[in-house]
Amino acid sequence: MEIELTQVYTCPRCGLDTPHFVLARRGDRVGVECSQCHTSSLVMRDDLSQHQFLWEEELRQILNSLEDSNPDDER
């Protein structure tokens, strides 16, 4: 099986939101490996998807706030 970089997840070992490589999928469970510390975890597919969604939403909000406070607009 080819390993692919797919989703951001909070690693239980290093505690960071990092990209995780998908190692295996079976039913509702996904085996992932942290790209930072290489810890393997078994997570529920819905939990992984929900974490990715929340992370992307937070990133969108940060980017939008940066656009709103663009110093070039004040000139």
Foldseek 3Di string as FASTA:
>chain_A
DDWDFDAFDQDPPPRDRATWIFDDDDDQWTWTAGPPPRDIDIDGNVVRVVVRVVVVVVVVVVVVVCVVPPPVVVD
